[in-house]
Amino acid sequence: MFAADGDARAKKNEIKPWQQKMWCIPPDADAEFVCAMENVLEVYKRPYDPERPVVCFDEKSKQLVARWPVPIPAAPGRVECHDYEYVRNGTANLFMLVEPLRVGGTWT
């Protein structure tokens, strides 16, 4: 039998799979790697210089999917219904560039 929401017998689950730890320095990295990483991190401490801007780059791969079968749209008194199946339409790479030290100003 399952405990209802708010039931005094309910216990919190200690496992939280959506929470993850991420780090940049691998456990087996040597002193040379750590020194190079510290040099990179020092860049973010520099004052803003429009002649030599700090530009950060990131990318993410994203799966492109289409719903199949077509979802049944929401109606008065009924939420949208959709199946767990989907059609895979390949992947896309998303790229982002940002200048984190720039404050205000106009983009040209």
PDB file of N, CA and C in Angstrom:
ATOM      1  N   MET A   1       0.851  -1.179   0.000  1.00  0.00           N
ATOM      2  CA  MET A   1       0.000   0.000   0.000  1.00  0.00           C
ATOM      3  C   MET A   1       0.896   1.242   0.000  1.00  0.00           C
ATOM      4  N   PHE A   2       0.520   2.249  -0.780  1.00  0.00           N
ATOM      5  CA  PHE A   2       1.285   3.475  -0.882  1.00  0.00           C
ATOM      6  C   PHE A   2       0.759   4.520   0.081  1.00  0.00           C
ATOM      7  N   ALA A   3       1.674   5.268   0.681  1.00  0.00           N
ATOM      8  CA  ALA A   3       1.269   6.348   1.572  1.00  0.00           C
ATOM      9  C   ALA A   3       0.797   7.530   0.736  1.00  0.00           C
ATOM     10  N   ALA A   4      -0.261   8.172   1.163  1.00  0.00           N
ATOM     11  CA  ALA A   4      -0.797   9.331   0.448  1.00  0.00           C
ATOM     12  C   ALA A   4       0.100  10.537   0.679  1.00  0.00           C
ATOM     13  N   ASP A   5      -0.031  11.551  -0.190  1.00  0.00           N
ATOM     14  CA  ASP A   5       0.743  12.778  -0.003  1.00  0.00           C
ATOM     15  C   ASP A   5       0.489  13.337   1.378  1.00  0.00           C
ATOM     16  N   GLY A   6       1.562  13.700   2.071  1.00  0.00           N
ATOM     17  CA  GLY A   6       1.422  14.287   3.388  1.00  0.00           C
ATOM     18  C   GLY A   6       1.241  13.273   4.502  1.00  0.00           C
ATOM     19  N   ASP A   7       1.200  11.986   4.174  1.00  0.00           N
ATOM     20  CA  ASP A   7       1.027  10.953   5.184  1.00  0.00           C
ATOM     21  C   ASP A   7       2.259  10.935   6.085  1.00  0.00           C
ATOM     22  N   ALA A   8       2.062  10.821   7.371  1.00  0.00           N
ATOM     23  CA  ALA A   8       3.158  10.834   8.338  1.00  0.00           C
ATOM     24  C   ALA A   8       4.099   9.648   8.136  1.00  0.00           C
ATOM     25  N   ARG A   9       3.608   8.559   7.546  1.00  0.00           N
ATOM     26  CA  ARG A   9       4.442   7.379   7.322  1.00  0.00           C
ATOM     27  C   ARG A   9       5.310   7.504   6.078  1.00  0.00           C
ATOM     28  N   ALA A  10       5.047   8.504   5.259  1.00  0.00           N
ATOM     29  CA  ALA A  10       5.810   8.665   4.018  1.00  0.00           C
ATOM     30  C   ALA A  10       7.252   9.034   4.346  1.00  0.00           C
ATOM     31  N   LYS A  11       8.198   8.420   3.622  1.00  0.00           N
ATOM     32  CA  LYS A  11       9.607   8.699   3.818  1.00  0.00           C
ATOM     33  C   LYS A  11      10.172   9.300   2.538  1.00  0.00           C
ATOM     34  N   LYS A  12      11.104  10.225   2.708  1.00  0.00           N
ATOM     35  CA  LYS A  12      11.752  10.827   1.542  1.00  0.00           C
ATOM     36  C   LYS A  12      12.693   9.813   0.916  1.00  0.00           C
ATOM     37  N   ASN A  13      12.735   9.831  -0.398  1.00  0.00           N
ATOM     38  CA  ASN A  13      13.646   8.973  -1.125  1.00  0.00           C
ATOM     39  C   ASN A  13      15.030   9.604  -1.085  1.00  0.00           C
ATOM     40  N   GLU A  14      16.033   8.871  -0.641  1.00  0.00           N
ATOM     41  CA  GLU A  14      17.392   9.394  -0.547  1.00  0.00           C
ATOM     42  C   GLU A  14      18.045   9.523  -1.922  1.00  0.00           C
ATOM     43  N   ILE A  15      17.584   8.747  -2.892  1.00  0.00           N
ATOM     44  CA  ILE A  15      18.153   8.791  -4.236  1.00  0.00           C
ATOM     45  C   ILE A  15      17.439   9.872  -5.033  1.00  0.00           C
ATOM     46  N   LYS A  16      18.216  10.800  -5.600  1.00  0.00           N
ATOM     47  CA  LYS A  16      17.659  11.885  -6.400  1.00  0.00           C
ATOM     48  C   LYS A  16      18.384  11.885  -7.742  1.00  0.00           C
ATOM     49  N   PRO A  17      17.933  11.047  -8.689  1.00  0.00           N
ATOM     50  CA  PRO A  17      18.676  10.871  -9.943  1.00  0.00           C
ATOM     51  C   PRO A  17      18.777  12.127 -10.794  1.00  0.00           C
ATOM     52  N   TRP A  18      17.925  13.113 -10.582  1.00  0.00           N
ATOM     53  CA  TRP A  18      17.983  14.344 -11.371  1.00  0.00           C
ATOM     54  C   TRP A  18      19.119  15.253 -10.896  1.00  0.00           C
ATOM     55  N   GLN A  19      19.653  14.989  -9.710  1.00  0.00           N
ATOM     56  CA  GLN A  19      20.759  15.798  -9.204  1.00  0.00           C
ATOM     57  C   GLN A  19      22.075  15.133  -9.607  1.00  0.00           C
ATOM     58  N   GLN A  20      22.980  15.922 -10.173  1.00  0.00           N
ATOM     59  CA  GLN A  20      24.262  15.392 -10.604  1.00  0.00           C
ATOM     60  C   GLN A  20      25.365  16.356 -10.216  1.00  0.00           C
ATOM     61  N   LYS A  21      26.534  15.817  -9.964  1.00  0.00           N
ATOM     62  CA  LYS A  21      27.706  16.640  -9.714  1.00  0.00           C
ATOM     63  C   LYS A  21      28.570  16.596 -10.966  1.00  0.00           C
ATOM     64  N   MET A  22      29.139  17.745 -11.304  1.00  0.00           N
ATOM     65  CA  MET A  22      30.003  17.815 -12.474  1.00  0.00           C
ATOM     66  C   MET A  22      31.236  18.626 -12.103  1.00  0.00           C
ATOM     67  N   TRP A  23      32.352  18.223 -12.577  1.00  0.00           N
ATOM     68  CA  TRP A  23      33.563  18.960 -12.303  1.00  0.00           C
ATOM     69  C   TRP A  23      34.411  18.974 -13.565  1.00  0.00           C
ATOM     70  N   CYS A  24      35.341  19.886 -13.605  1.00  0.00           N
ATOM     71  CA  CYS A  24      36.164  20.077 -14.792  1.00  0.00           C
ATOM     72  C   CYS A  24      37.495  19.346 -14.688  1.00  0.00           C
ATOM     73  N   ILE A  25      38.010  19.223 -13.498  1.00  0.00           N
ATOM     74  CA  ILE A  25      39.327  18.609 -13.335  1.00  0.00           C
ATOM     75  C   ILE A  25      39.155  17.115 -13.074  1.00  0.00           C
ATOM     76  N   PRO A  26      39.607  16.269 -14.008  1.00  0.00           N
ATOM     77  CA  PRO A  26      39.477  14.833 -13.797  1.00  0.00           C
ATOM     78  C   PRO A  26      40.324  14.369 -12.622  1.00  0.00           C
ATOM     79  N   PRO A  27      39.904  13.316 -11.946  1.00  0.00           N
ATOM     80  CA  PRO A  27      40.626  12.833 -10.756  1.00  0.00           C
ATOM     81  C   PRO A  27      42.088  12.470 -11.019  1.00  0.00           C
ATOM     82  N   ASP A  28      42.400  12.018 -12.238  1.00  0.00           N
ATOM     83  CA  ASP A  28      43.771  11.598 -12.516  1.00  0.00           C
ATOM     84  C   ASP A  28      44.598  12.695 -13.203  1.00  0.00           C
ATOM     85  N   ALA A  29      44.122  13.958 -13.159  1.00  0.00           N
ATOM     86  CA  ALA A  29      44.840  15.068 -13.792  1.00  0.00           C
ATOM     87  C   ALA A  29      46.147  15.339 -13.064  1.00  0.00           C
ATOM     88  N   ASP A  30      47.141  15.764 -13.832  1.00  0.00           N
ATOM     89  CA  ASP A  30      48.434  16.074 -13.234  1.00  0.00           C
ATOM     90  C   ASP A  30      48.541  17.569 -12.929  1.00  0.00           C
ATOM     91  N   ALA A  31      49.619  17.960 -12.311  1.00  0.00           N
ATOM     92  CA  ALA A  31      49.821  19.351 -11.907  1.00  0.00           C
ATOM     93  C   ALA A  31      49.842  20.286 -13.105  1.00  0.00           C
ATOM     94  N   GLU A  32      50.360  19.832 -14.244  1.00  0.00           N
ATOM     95  CA  GLU A  32      50.400  20.671 -15.447  1.00  0.00           C
ATOM     96  C   GLU A  32      48.983  21.015 -15.909  1.00  0.00           C
ATOM     97  N   PHE A  33      48.082  20.027 -15.877  1.00  0.00           N
ATOM     98  CA  PHE A  33      46.688  20.268 -16.263  1.00  0.00           C
ATOM     99  C   PHE A  33      46.032  21.264 -15.311  1.00  0.00           C
ATOM    100  N   VAL A  34      46.224  21.071 -14.015  1.00  0.00           N
ATOM    101  CA  VAL A  34      45.626  21.959 -13.017  1.00  0.00           C
ATOM    102  C   VAL A  34      46.132  23.380 -13.207  1.00  0.00           C
ATOM    103  N   CYS A  35      47.416  23.547 -13.482  1.00  0.00           N
ATOM    104  CA  CYS A  35      47.992  24.869 -13.709  1.00  0.00           C
ATOM    105  C   CYS A  35      47.364  25.528 -14.941  1.00  0.00           C
ATOM    106  N   ALA A  36      47.210  24.775 -16.016  1.00  0.00           N
ATOM    107  CA  ALA A  36      46.598  25.314 -17.236  1.00  0.00           C
ATOM    108  C   ALA A  36      45.149  25.728 -16.971  1.00  0.00           C
ATOM    109  N   MET A  37      44.406  24.927 -16.196  1.00  0.00           N
ATOM    110  CA  MET A  37      43.013  25.252 -15.873  1.00  0.00           C
ATOM    111  C   MET A  37      42.944  26.514 -15.019  1.00  0.00           C
ATOM    112  N   GLU A  38      43.858  26.662 -14.075  1.00  0.00           N
ATOM    113  CA  GLU A  38      43.883  27.872 -13.246  1.00  0.00           C
ATOM    114  C   GLU A  38      44.177  29.106 -14.100  1.00  0.00           C
ATOM    115  N   ASN A  39      45.020  28.965 -15.118  1.00  0.00           N
ATOM    116  CA  ASN A  39      45.288  30.079 -16.033  1.00  0.00           C
ATOM    117  C   ASN A  39      44.022  30.478 -16.795  1.00  0.00           C
ATOM    118  N   VAL A  40      43.255  29.502 -17.219  1.00  0.00           N
ATOM    119  CA  VAL A  40      41.998  29.794 -17.913  1.00  0.00           C
ATOM    120  C   VAL A  40      41.043  30.525 -16.969  1.00  0.00           C
ATOM    121  N   LEU A  41      40.936  30.076 -15.739  1.00  0.00           N
ATOM    122  CA  LEU A  41      40.020  30.703 -14.782  1.00  0.00           C
ATOM    123  C   LEU A  41      40.438  32.132 -14.444  1.00  0.00           C
ATOM    124  N   GLU A  42      41.726  32.430 -14.505  1.00  0.00           N
ATOM    125  CA  GLU A  42      42.213  33.789 -14.259  1.00  0.00           C
ATOM    126  C   GLU A  42      41.690  34.775 -15.298  1.00  0.00           C
ATOM    127  N   VAL A  43      41.394  34.295 -16.496  1.00  0.00           N
ATOM    128  CA  VAL A  43      40.879  35.161 -17.559  1.00  0.00           C
ATOM    129  C   VAL A  43      39.597  35.852 -17.108  1.00  0.00           C
ATOM    130  N   TYR A  44      38.759  35.154 -16.353  1.00  0.00           N
ATOM    131  CA  TYR A  44      37.473  35.717 -15.923  1.00  0.00           C
ATOM    132  C   TYR A  44      37.633  36.790 -14.838  1.00  0.00           C
ATOM    133  N   LYS A  45      38.813  36.921 -14.282  1.00  0.00           N
ATOM    134  CA  LYS A  45      39.062  37.942 -13.262  1.00  0.00           C
ATOM    135  C   LYS A  45      39.563  39.250 -13.880  1.00  0.00           C
ATOM    136  N   ARG A  46      39.861  39.222 -15.175  1.00  0.00           N
ATOM    137  CA  ARG A  46      40.376  40.419 -15.833  1.00  0.00           C
ATOM    138  C   ARG A  46      39.293  41.501 -15.898  1.00  0.00           C
ATOM    139  N   PRO A  47      39.699  42.775 -15.844  1.00  0.00           N
ATOM    140  CA  PRO A  47      38.714  43.841 -16.053  1.00  0.00           C
ATOM    141  C   PRO A  47      38.285  43.860 -17.523  1.00  0.00           C
ATOM    142  N   TYR A  48      37.109  44.393 -17.776  1.00  0.00           N
ATOM    143  CA  TYR A  48      36.591  44.437 -19.138  1.00  0.00           C
ATOM    144  C   TYR A  48      37.474  45.310 -20.025  1.00  0.00           C
ATOM    145  N   ASP A  49      37.831  44.792 -21.191  1.00  0.00           N
ATOM    146  CA  ASP A  49      38.625  45.526 -22.174  1.00  0.00           C
ATOM    147  C   ASP A  49      37.957  45.348 -23.533  1.00  0.00           C
ATOM    148  N   PRO A  50      37.339  46.409 -24.075  1.00  0.00           N
ATOM    149  CA  PRO A  50      36.633  46.268 -25.356  1.00  0.00           C
ATOM    150  C   PRO A  50      37.563  45.886 -26.509  1.00  0.00           C
ATOM    151  N   GLU A  51      38.860  46.147 -26.369  1.00  0.00           N
ATOM    152  CA  GLU A  51      39.816  45.774 -27.414  1.00  0.00           C
ATOM    153  C   GLU A  51      40.162  44.284 -27.376  1.00  0.00           C
ATOM    154  N   ARG A  52      40.001  43.666 -26.209  1.00  0.00           N
ATOM    155  CA  ARG A  52      40.294  42.236 -26.036  1.00  0.00           C
ATOM    156  C   ARG A  52      39.187  41.592 -25.211  1.00  0.00           C
ATOM    157  N   PRO A  53      37.997  41.452 -25.786  1.00  0.00           N
ATOM    158  CA  PRO A  53      36.869  40.917 -25.021  1.00  0.00           C
ATOM    159  C   PRO A  53      37.049  39.425 -24.695  1.00  0.00           C
ATOM    160  N   VAL A  54      36.502  39.034 -23.558  1.00  0.00           N
ATOM    161  CA  VAL A  54      36.454  37.623 -23.175  1.00  0.00           C
ATOM    162  C   VAL A  54      35.176  37.057 -23.779  1.00  0.00           C
ATOM    163  N   VAL A  55      35.314  36.034 -24.617  1.00  0.00           N
ATOM    164  CA  VAL A  55      34.162  35.420 -25.271  1.00  0.00           C
ATOM    165  C   VAL A  55      34.122  33.949 -24.872  1.00  0.00           C
ATOM    166  N   CYS A  56      32.970  33.509 -24.373  1.00  0.00           N
ATOM    167  CA  CYS A  56      32.790  32.114 -23.969  1.00  0.00           C
ATOM    168  C   CYS A  56      31.976  31.385 -25.039  1.00  0.00           C
ATOM    169  N   PHE A  57      32.290  30.134 -25.235  1.00  0.00           N
ATOM    170  CA  PHE A  57      31.643  29.313 -26.249  1.00  0.00           C
ATOM    171  C   PHE A  57      31.151  28.028 -25.591  1.00  0.00           C
ATOM    172  N   ASP A  58      29.944  27.614 -25.956  1.00  0.00           N
ATOM    173  CA  ASP A  58      29.411  26.353 -25.455  1.00  0.00           C
ATOM    174  C   ASP A  58      28.601  25.708 -26.560  1.00  0.00           C
ATOM    175  N   GLU A  59      28.500  24.395 -26.529  1.00  0.00           N
ATOM    176  CA  GLU A  59      27.673  23.690 -27.497  1.00  0.00           C
ATOM    177  C   GLU A  59      26.952  22.544 -26.815  1.00  0.00           C
ATOM    178  N   LYS A  60      25.813  22.169 -27.387  1.00  0.00           N
ATOM    179  CA  LYS A  60      25.027  21.065 -26.854  1.00  0.00           C
ATOM    180  C   LYS A  60      24.394  20.330 -28.018  1.00  0.00           C
ATOM    181  N   SER A  61      24.439  19.030 -27.981  1.00  0.00           N
ATOM    182  CA  SER A  61      23.770  18.207 -28.975  1.00  0.00           C
ATOM    183  C   SER A  61      22.348  17.952 -28.486  1.00  0.00           C
ATOM    184  N   LYS A  62      21.387  18.064 -29.369  1.00  0.00           N
ATOM    185  CA  LYS A  62      19.985  17.887 -28.989  1.00  0.00           C
ATOM    186  C   LYS A  62      19.323  16.937 -29.977  1.00  0.00           C
ATOM    187  N   GLN A  63      18.586  15.961 -29.467  1.00  0.00           N
ATOM    188  CA  GLN A  63      17.846  15.036 -30.311  1.00  0.00           C
ATOM    189  C   GLN A  63      16.573  15.719 -30.813  1.00  0.00           C
ATOM    190  N   LEU A  64      16.282  15.567 -32.096  1.00  0.00           N
ATOM    191  CA  LEU A  64      15.076  16.151 -32.685  1.00  0.00           C
ATOM    192  C   LEU A  64      14.023  15.059 -32.804  1.00  0.00           C
ATOM    193  N   VAL A  65      12.867  15.278 -32.205  1.00  0.00           N
ATOM    194  CA  VAL A  65      11.815  14.270 -32.219  1.00  0.00           C
ATOM    195  C   VAL A  65      10.487  14.893 -32.635  1.00  0.00           C
ATOM    196  N   ALA A  66       9.623  14.043 -33.175  1.00  0.00           N
ATOM    197  CA  ALA A  66       8.257  14.444 -33.513  1.00  0.00           C
ATOM    198  C   ALA A  66       7.314  13.482 -32.793  1.00  0.00           C
ATOM    199  N   ARG A  67       6.215  13.996 -32.323  1.00  0.00           N
ATOM    200  CA  ARG A  67       5.226  13.149 -31.652  1.00  0.00           C
ATOM    201  C   ARG A  67       4.541  12.244 -32.662  1.00  0.00           C
ATOM    202  N   TRP A  68       4.373  10.995 -32.278  1.00  0.00           N
ATOM    203  CA  TRP A  68       3.614  10.063 -33.097  1.00  0.00           C
ATOM    204  C   TRP A  68       2.980   9.054 -32.187  1.00  0.00           C
ATOM    205  N   PRO A  69       1.722   8.790 -32.284  1.00  0.00           N
ATOM    206  CA  PRO A  69       0.770   9.467 -33.153  1.00  0.00           C
ATOM    207  C   PRO A  69       0.537  10.908 -32.707  1.00  0.00           C
ATOM    208  N   VAL A  70      -0.159  11.664 -33.545  1.00  0.00           N
ATOM    209  CA  VAL A  70      -0.425  13.070 -33.265  1.00  0.00           C
ATOM    210  C   VAL A  70      -1.198  13.182 -31.948  1.00  0.00           C
ATOM    211  N   PRO A  71      -0.782  14.094 -31.050  1.00  0.00           N
ATOM    212  CA  PRO A  71      -1.481  14.237 -29.768  1.00  0.00           C
ATOM    213  C   PRO A  71      -2.941  14.662 -29.946  1.00  0.00           C
ATOM    214  N   ILE A  72      -3.760  14.245 -29.003  1.00  0.00           N
ATOM    215  CA  ILE A  72      -5.159  14.686 -28.975  1.00  0.00           C
ATOM    216  C   ILE A  72      -5.164  16.009 -28.218  1.00  0.00           C
ATOM    217  N   PRO A  73      -5.600  17.095 -28.877  1.00  0.00           N
ATOM    218  CA  PRO A  73      -5.512  18.407 -28.228  1.00  0.00           C
ATOM    219  C   PRO A  73      -6.390  18.518 -26.987  1.00  0.00           C
ATOM    220  N   ALA A  74      -6.006  19.460 -26.137  1.00  0.00           N
ATOM    221  CA  ALA A  74      -6.796  19.734 -24.932  1.00  0.00           C
ATOM    222  C   ALA A  74      -8.157  20.275 -25.342  1.00  0.00           C
ATOM    223  N   ALA A  75      -9.118  20.025 -24.506  1.00  0.00           N
ATOM    224  CA  ALA A  75     -10.489  20.514 -24.712  1.00  0.00           C
ATOM    225  C   ALA A  75     -11.036  20.894 -23.346  1.00  0.00           C
ATOM    226  N   PRO A  76     -12.151  21.588 -23.306  1.00  0.00           N
ATOM    227  CA  PRO A  76     -12.718  21.947 -22.002  1.00  0.00           C
ATOM    228  C   PRO A  76     -12.897  20.694 -21.125  1.00  0.00           C
ATOM    229  N   GLY A  77     -12.273  20.719 -19.966  1.00  0.00           N
ATOM    230  CA  GLY A  77     -12.376  19.593 -19.031  1.00  0.00           C
ATOM    231  C   GLY A  77     -11.434  18.439 -19.328  1.00  0.00           C
ATOM    232  N   ARG A  78     -10.550  18.582 -20.333  1.00  0.00           N
ATOM    233  CA  ARG A  78      -9.634  17.482 -20.684  1.00  0.00           C
ATOM    234  C   ARG A  78      -8.267  18.044 -21.065  1.00  0.00           C
ATOM    235  N   VAL A  79      -7.224  17.473 -20.505  1.00  0.00           N
ATOM    236  CA  VAL A  79      -5.864  17.891 -20.838  1.00  0.00           C
ATOM    237  C   VAL A  79      -5.430  17.227 -22.135  1.00  0.00           C
ATOM    238  N   GLU A  80      -4.358  17.747 -22.739  1.00  0.00           N
ATOM    239  CA  GLU A  80      -3.821  17.144 -23.951  1.00  0.00           C
ATOM    240  C   GLU A  80      -3.371  15.722 -23.648  1.00  0.00           C
ATOM    241  N   CYS A  81      -3.623  14.813 -24.567  1.00  0.00           N
ATOM    242  CA  CYS A  81      -3.210  13.413 -24.416  1.00  0.00           C
ATOM    243  C   CYS A  81      -2.215  13.076 -25.520  1.00  0.00           C
ATOM    244  N   HIS A  82      -1.103  12.461 -25.131  1.00  0.00           N
ATOM    245  CA  HIS A  82      -0.139  12.038 -26.145  1.00  0.00           C
ATOM    246  C   HIS A  82       0.476  10.712 -25.738  1.00  0.00           C
ATOM    247  N   ASP A  83       0.891   9.971 -26.744  1.00  0.00           N
ATOM    248  CA  ASP A  83       1.501   8.669 -26.555  1.00  0.00           C
ATOM    249  C   ASP A  83       2.972   8.839 -26.197  1.00  0.00           C
ATOM    250  N   TYR A  84       3.572   7.810 -25.641  1.00  0.00           N
ATOM    251  CA  TYR A  84       4.991   7.869 -25.293  1.00  0.00           C
ATOM    252  C   TYR A  84       5.874   7.669 -26.523  1.00  0.00           C
ATOM    253  N   GLU A  85       5.314   7.191 -27.630  1.00  0.00           N
ATOM    254  CA  GLU A  85       6.103   6.960 -28.838  1.00  0.00           C
ATOM    255  C   GLU A  85       6.459   8.275 -29.514  1.00  0.00           C
ATOM    256  N   TYR A  86       7.553   8.254 -30.247  1.00  0.00           N
ATOM    257  CA  TYR A  86       7.972   9.420 -31.016  1.00  0.00           C
ATOM    258  C   TYR A  86       8.772   8.955 -32.224  1.00  0.00           C
ATOM    259  N   VAL A  87       8.954   9.863 -33.172  1.00  0.00           N
ATOM    260  CA  VAL A  87       9.765   9.597 -34.355  1.00  0.00           C
ATOM    261  C   VAL A  87      11.044  10.407 -34.209  1.00  0.00           C
ATOM    262  N   ARG A  88      12.178   9.740 -34.353  1.00  0.00           N
ATOM    263  CA  ARG A  88      13.468  10.435 -34.230  1.00  0.00           C
ATOM    264  C   ARG A  88      13.787  11.109 -35.552  1.00  0.00           C
ATOM    265  N   ASN A  89      14.049  12.395 -35.510  1.00  0.00           N
ATOM    266  CA  ASN A  89      14.355  13.168 -36.710  1.00  0.00           C
ATOM    267  C   ASN A  89      15.800  13.653 -36.721  1.00  0.00           C
ATOM    268  N   GLY A  90      16.705  12.870 -36.175  1.00  0.00           N
ATOM    269  CA  GLY A  90      18.111  13.230 -36.187  1.00  0.00           C
ATOM    270  C   GLY A  90      18.509  14.053 -34.976  1.00  0.00           C
ATOM    271  N   THR A  91      19.618  14.774 -35.128  1.00  0.00           N
ATOM    272  CA  THR A  91      20.131  15.595 -34.040  1.00  0.00           C
ATOM    273  C   THR A  91      20.512  16.970 -34.584  1.00  0.00           C
ATOM    274  N   ALA A  92      20.676  17.895 -33.670  1.00  0.00           N
ATOM    275  CA  ALA A  92      21.131  19.236 -34.019  1.00  0.00           C
ATOM    276  C   ALA A  92      22.150  19.666 -32.972  1.00  0.00           C
ATOM    277  N   ASN A  93      23.089  20.478 -33.386  1.00  0.00           N
ATOM    278  CA  ASN A  93      24.055  21.053 -32.452  1.00  0.00           C
ATOM    279  C   ASN A  93      23.679  22.498 -32.199  1.00  0.00           C
ATOM    280  N   LEU A  94      23.555  22.855 -30.938  1.00  0.00           N
ATOM    281  CA  LEU A  94      23.253  24.230 -30.554  1.00  0.00           C
ATOM    282  C   LEU A  94      24.549  24.876 -30.097  1.00  0.00           C
ATOM    283  N   PHE A  95      24.826  26.059 -30.601  1.00  0.00           N
ATOM    284  CA  PHE A  95      26.041  26.782 -30.244  1.00  0.00           C
ATOM    285  C   PHE A  95      25.674  28.102 -29.587  1.00  0.00           C
ATOM    286  N   MET A  96      26.412  28.477 -28.562  1.00  0.00           N
ATOM    287  CA  MET A  96      26.168  29.741 -27.879  1.00  0.00           C
ATOM    288  C   MET A  96      27.494  30.446 -27.645  1.00  0.00           C
ATOM    289  N   LEU A  97      27.515  31.732 -27.971  1.00  0.00           N
ATOM    290  CA  LEU A  97      28.660  32.587 -27.685  1.00  0.00           C
ATOM    291  C   LEU A  97      28.167  33.717 -26.797  1.00  0.00           C
ATOM    292  N   VAL A  98      28.916  34.027 -25.760  1.00  0.00           N
ATOM    293  CA  VAL A  98      28.521  35.097 -24.849  1.00  0.00           C
ATOM    294  C   VAL A  98      29.767  35.853 -24.395  1.00  0.00           C
ATOM    295  N   GLU A  99      29.582  37.127 -24.193  1.00  0.00           N
ATOM    296  CA  GLU A  99      30.654  37.985 -23.687  1.00  0.00           C
ATOM    297  C   GLU A  99      30.274  38.354 -22.246  1.00  0.00           C
ATOM    298  N   PRO A 100      30.677  37.555 -21.248  1.00  0.00           N
ATOM    299  CA  PRO A 100      30.160  37.709 -19.888  1.00  0.00           C
ATOM    300  C   PRO A 100      30.549  39.006 -19.170  1.00  0.00           C
ATOM    301  N   LEU A 101      31.656  39.629 -19.557  1.00  0.00           N
ATOM    302  CA  LEU A 101      32.094  40.830 -18.837  1.00  0.00           C
ATOM    303  C   LEU A 101      31.468  42.097 -19.387  1.00  0.00           C
ATOM    304  N   ARG A 102      30.819  42.007 -20.542  1.00  0.00           N
ATOM    305  CA  ARG A 102      30.215  43.199 -21.155  1.00  0.00           C
ATOM    306  C   ARG A 102      28.956  43.574 -20.374  1.00  0.00           C
ATOM    307  N   VAL A 103      28.837  44.844 -20.019  1.00  0.00           N
ATOM    308  CA  VAL A 103      27.667  45.323 -19.284  1.00  0.00           C
ATOM    309  C   VAL A 103      27.051  46.460 -20.084  1.00  0.00           C
ATOM    310  N   GLY A 104      25.748  46.353 -20.354  1.00  0.00           N
ATOM    311  CA  GLY A 104      25.066  47.427 -21.094  1.00  0.00           C
ATOM    312  C   GLY A 104      25.603  47.537 -22.502  1.00  0.00           C
ATOM    313  N   GLY A 105      25.500  48.743 -23.056  1.00  0.00           N
ATOM    314  CA  GLY A 105      25.996  48.972 -24.409  1.00  0.00           C
ATOM    315  C   GLY A 105      25.015  48.469 -25.455  1.00  0.00           C
ATOM    316  N   THR A 106      25.390  48.583 -26.682  1.00  0.00           N
ATOM    317  CA  THR A 106      24.548  48.123 -27.789  1.00  0.00           C
ATOM    318  C   THR A 106      25.273  47.037 -28.558  1.00  0.00           C
ATOM    319  N   TRP A 107      24.512  46.160 -29.151  1.00  0.00           N
ATOM    320  CA  TRP A 107      25.079  45.074 -29.953  1.00  0.00           C
ATOM    321  C   TRP A 107      25.136  45.533 -31.385  1.00  0.00           C
ATOM    322  N   THR A 108      26.255  45.311 -32.018  1.00  0.00           N
ATOM    323  CA  THR A 108      26.393  45.724 -33.413  1.00  0.00           C
ATOM    324  C   THR A 108      26.525  44.532 -34.313  1.00  0.00           C
TER     325      THR A 108
END
